[in-house]
Amino acid sequence: MLASGTVIHDAVIHLLNEQPLLADLPTPPTTGDLVLVCTNLRMMNRKRPVFVDDAASTFVFPYSQIRFVEIPIPRGAASAEGEPRPARVEEPDEIELDEDLLRRVREL
């Protein structure tokens, strides 16, 4: 759990029908919130969005316009506090090709 007064850096805000945005959250979201307050809004490539005039502004998004918010786990905090660690994705050594699918694609 985050300590109160801790700024959450690089949270990813997934808006409805828009590209995700990176932002800093001054306080962790709670279940009773109606809006998400954030600062330092930027695109995923860390550049300022065209609709932002002043990068130092505070932005307020209603939760009705947000699909979900990704909050990064601080390094080392997951194992120390017993919270679940992110799932490790193991890639297969070799990809198995579907010969039937390849044949149908070639016939097109």
C-alpha atoms as a PDB file:
ATOM      1  CA  MET A   1       0.000   0.000   0.000  1.00  0.00           C
ATOM      2  CA  LEU A   2       1.197   3.507  -0.740  1.00  0.00           C
ATOM      3  CA  ALA A   3       1.879   5.942   2.047  1.00  0.00           C
ATOM      4  CA  SER A   4      -0.397   8.949   2.198  1.00  0.00           C
ATOM      5  CA  GLY A   5       1.097  12.011   0.543  1.00  0.00           C
ATOM      6  CA  THR A   6       3.058   9.881  -1.931  1.00  0.00           C
ATOM      7  CA  VAL A   7       2.892  10.982  -5.555  1.00  0.00           C
ATOM      8  CA  ILE A   8       2.303   8.136  -7.984  1.00  0.00           C
ATOM      9  CA  HIS A   9       4.543   8.714 -11.008  1.00  0.00           C
ATOM     10  CA  ASP A  10       3.851   7.349 -14.507  1.00  0.00           C
ATOM     11  CA  ALA A  11       0.309   6.083 -13.975  1.00  0.00           C
ATOM     12  CA  VAL A  12      -1.295   5.139 -17.295  1.00  0.00           C
ATOM     13  CA  ILE A  13      -4.790   6.537 -17.852  1.00  0.00           C
ATOM     14  CA  HIS A  14      -6.836   4.658 -20.463  1.00  0.00           C
ATOM     15  CA  LEU A  15      -9.570   7.033 -21.638  1.00  0.00           C
ATOM     16  CA  LEU A  16     -12.596   5.888 -23.635  1.00  0.00           C
ATOM     17  CA  ASN A  17     -11.871   5.920 -27.396  1.00  0.00           C
ATOM     18  CA  GLU A  18      -8.509   7.676 -26.922  1.00  0.00           C
ATOM     19  CA  GLN A  19      -4.857   6.773 -26.719  1.00  0.00           C
ATOM     20  CA  PRO A  20      -3.510   6.127 -23.192  1.00  0.00           C
ATOM     21  CA  LEU A  21      -1.851   8.980 -21.315  1.00  0.00           C
ATOM     22  CA  LEU A  22       0.883   9.053 -18.679  1.00  0.00           C
ATOM     23  CA  ALA A  23       0.284  11.183 -15.596  1.00  0.00           C
ATOM     24  CA  ASP A  24       1.345  11.716 -12.016  1.00  0.00           C
ATOM     25  CA  LEU A  25      -1.339  11.193  -9.381  1.00  0.00           C
ATOM     26  CA  PRO A  26      -0.992  13.348  -6.237  1.00  0.00           C
ATOM     27  CA  THR A  27      -3.126  10.898  -4.233  1.00  0.00           C
ATOM     28  CA  PRO A  28      -4.073   7.263  -4.813  1.00  0.00           C
ATOM     29  CA  PRO A  29      -7.597   6.790  -6.218  1.00  0.00           C
ATOM     30  CA  THR A  30     -10.247   5.616  -3.758  1.00  0.00           C
ATOM     31  CA  THR A  31     -13.576   3.859  -4.241  1.00  0.00           C
ATOM     32  CA  GLY A  32     -15.574   6.998  -3.410  1.00  0.00           C
ATOM     33  CA  ASP A  33     -13.930   9.211  -6.043  1.00  0.00           C
ATOM     34  CA  LEU A  34     -15.960  10.617  -8.935  1.00  0.00           C
ATOM     35  CA  VAL A  35     -13.005  12.186 -10.735  1.00  0.00           C
ATOM     36  CA  LEU A  36      -9.320  11.429 -11.232  1.00  0.00           C
ATOM     37  CA  VAL A  37      -7.025  14.360 -10.442  1.00  0.00           C
ATOM     38  CA  CYS A  38      -3.608  14.274 -12.084  1.00  0.00           C
ATOM     39  CA  THR A  39      -0.640  16.426 -13.047  1.00  0.00           C
ATOM     40  CA  ASN A  40       2.237  16.236 -15.536  1.00  0.00           C
ATOM     41  CA  LEU A  41       0.024  14.856 -18.311  1.00  0.00           C
ATOM     42  CA  ARG A  42       1.904  13.436 -21.310  1.00  0.00           C
ATOM     43  CA  MET A  43       1.590  10.966 -24.154  1.00  0.00           C
ATOM     44  CA  MET A  44       3.098   7.478 -23.903  1.00  0.00           C
ATOM     45  CA  ASN A  45       6.192   8.753 -25.743  1.00  0.00           C
ATOM     46  CA  ARG A  46       6.525  11.314 -22.897  1.00  0.00           C
ATOM     47  CA  LYS A  47       5.767  14.303 -25.154  1.00  0.00           C
ATOM     48  CA  ARG A  48       3.196  16.955 -24.264  1.00  0.00           C
ATOM     49  CA  PRO A  49      -0.232  16.321 -25.852  1.00  0.00           C
ATOM     50  CA  VAL A  50      -1.400  18.958 -28.352  1.00  0.00           C
ATOM     51  CA  PHE A  51      -4.438  19.812 -26.201  1.00  0.00           C
ATOM     52  CA  VAL A  52      -2.295  20.757 -23.170  1.00  0.00           C
ATOM     53  CA  ASP A  53      -1.299  24.440 -22.991  1.00  0.00           C
ATOM     54  CA  ASP A  54       0.647  24.376 -19.718  1.00  0.00           C
ATOM     55  CA  ALA A  55       2.417  21.206 -18.555  1.00  0.00           C
ATOM     56  CA  ALA A  56       2.222  22.407 -14.920  1.00  0.00           C
ATOM     57  CA  SER A  57      -1.594  22.356 -14.982  1.00  0.00           C
ATOM     58  CA  THR A  58      -3.773  20.073 -12.880  1.00  0.00           C
ATOM     59  CA  PHE A  59      -6.178  17.890 -14.870  1.00  0.00           C
ATOM     60  CA  VAL A  60      -9.489  16.434 -13.734  1.00  0.00           C
ATOM     61  CA  PHE A  61     -11.002  13.482 -15.605  1.00  0.00           C
ATOM     62  CA  PRO A  62     -14.438  12.101 -14.683  1.00  0.00           C
ATOM     63  CA  TYR A  63     -14.317   8.346 -14.125  1.00  0.00           C
ATOM     64  CA  SER A  64     -17.189   7.980 -16.609  1.00  0.00           C
ATOM     65  CA  GLN A  65     -14.622   8.811 -19.337  1.00  0.00           C
ATOM     66  CA  ILE A  66     -11.925   6.413 -18.069  1.00  0.00           C
ATOM     67  CA  ARG A  67     -11.780   2.717 -18.950  1.00  0.00           C
ATOM     68  CA  PHE A  68      -9.121   1.939 -16.340  1.00  0.00           C
ATOM     69  CA  VAL A  69      -5.989   3.297 -14.683  1.00  0.00           C
ATOM     70  CA  GLU A  70      -2.697   1.406 -14.450  1.00  0.00           C
ATOM     71  CA  ILE A  71      -0.796   2.241 -11.286  1.00  0.00           C
ATOM     72  CA  PRO A  72       2.802   1.004 -11.311  1.00  0.00           C
ATOM     73  CA  ILE A  73       4.068  -0.903  -8.285  1.00  0.00           C
ATOM     74  CA  PRO A  74       7.132   0.780  -6.772  1.00  0.00           C
ATOM     75  CA  ARG A  75      10.302  -1.293  -7.195  1.00  0.00           C
ATOM     76  CA  GLY A  76      10.900  -3.600  -4.244  1.00  0.00           C
ATOM     77  CA  ALA A  77       7.526  -2.835  -2.639  1.00  0.00           C
ATOM     78  CA  ALA A  78       5.716  -5.915  -3.961  1.00  0.00           C
ATOM     79  CA  SER A  79       7.922  -8.528  -2.331  1.00  0.00           C
ATOM     80  CA  ALA A  80       8.403  -6.558   0.889  1.00  0.00           C
ATOM     81  CA  GLU A  81       4.687  -6.084   1.597  1.00  0.00           C
ATOM     82  CA  GLY A  82       3.487  -9.471   0.404  1.00  0.00           C
ATOM     83  CA  GLU A  83       1.490  -8.048  -2.508  1.00  0.00           C
ATOM     84  CA  PRO A  84       1.256 -10.159  -5.645  1.00  0.00           C
ATOM     85  CA  ARG A  85       4.055  -9.750  -8.146  1.00  0.00           C
ATOM     86  CA  PRO A  86       3.297  -9.095 -11.804  1.00  0.00           C
ATOM     87  CA  ALA A  87       2.914 -12.269 -13.827  1.00  0.00           C
ATOM     88  CA  ARG A  88       6.050 -13.316 -15.639  1.00  0.00           C
ATOM     89  CA  VAL A  89       5.440 -13.864 -19.319  1.00  0.00           C
ATOM     90  CA  GLU A  90       7.437 -16.758 -20.693  1.00  0.00           C
ATOM     91  CA  GLU A  91       7.848 -16.822 -24.429  1.00  0.00           C
ATOM     92  CA  PRO A  92       8.020 -20.172 -26.183  1.00  0.00           C
ATOM     93  CA  ASP A  93      11.417 -21.280 -27.485  1.00  0.00           C
ATOM     94  CA  GLU A  94      10.053 -21.914 -30.940  1.00  0.00           C
ATOM     95  CA  ILE A  95       6.767 -20.872 -32.505  1.00  0.00           C
ATOM     96  CA  GLU A  96       4.823 -23.766 -33.978  1.00  0.00           C
ATOM     97  CA  LEU A  97       3.433 -22.895 -37.402  1.00  0.00           C
ATOM     98  CA  ASP A  98      -0.001 -24.028 -38.476  1.00  0.00           C
ATOM     99  CA  GLU A  99       0.630 -25.530 -41.904  1.00  0.00           C
ATOM    100  CA  ASP A 100      -3.076 -25.589 -42.790  1.00  0.00           C
ATOM    101  CA  LEU A 101      -3.412 -21.869 -42.080  1.00  0.00           C
ATOM    102  CA  LEU A 102      -0.321 -21.097 -44.147  1.00  0.00           C
ATOM    103  CA  ARG A 103      -1.700 -23.123 -47.068  1.00  0.00           C
ATOM    104  CA  ARG A 104      -5.017 -21.211 -46.961  1.00  0.00           C
ATOM    105  CA  VAL A 105      -3.219 -17.861 -46.861  1.00  0.00           C
ATOM    106  CA  ARG A 106      -1.126 -18.780 -49.893  1.00  0.00           C
ATOM    107  CA  GLU A 107      -4.257 -19.744 -51.821  1.00  0.00           C
ATOM    108  CA  LEU A 108      -5.766 -16.271 -51.413  1.00  0.00           C
END
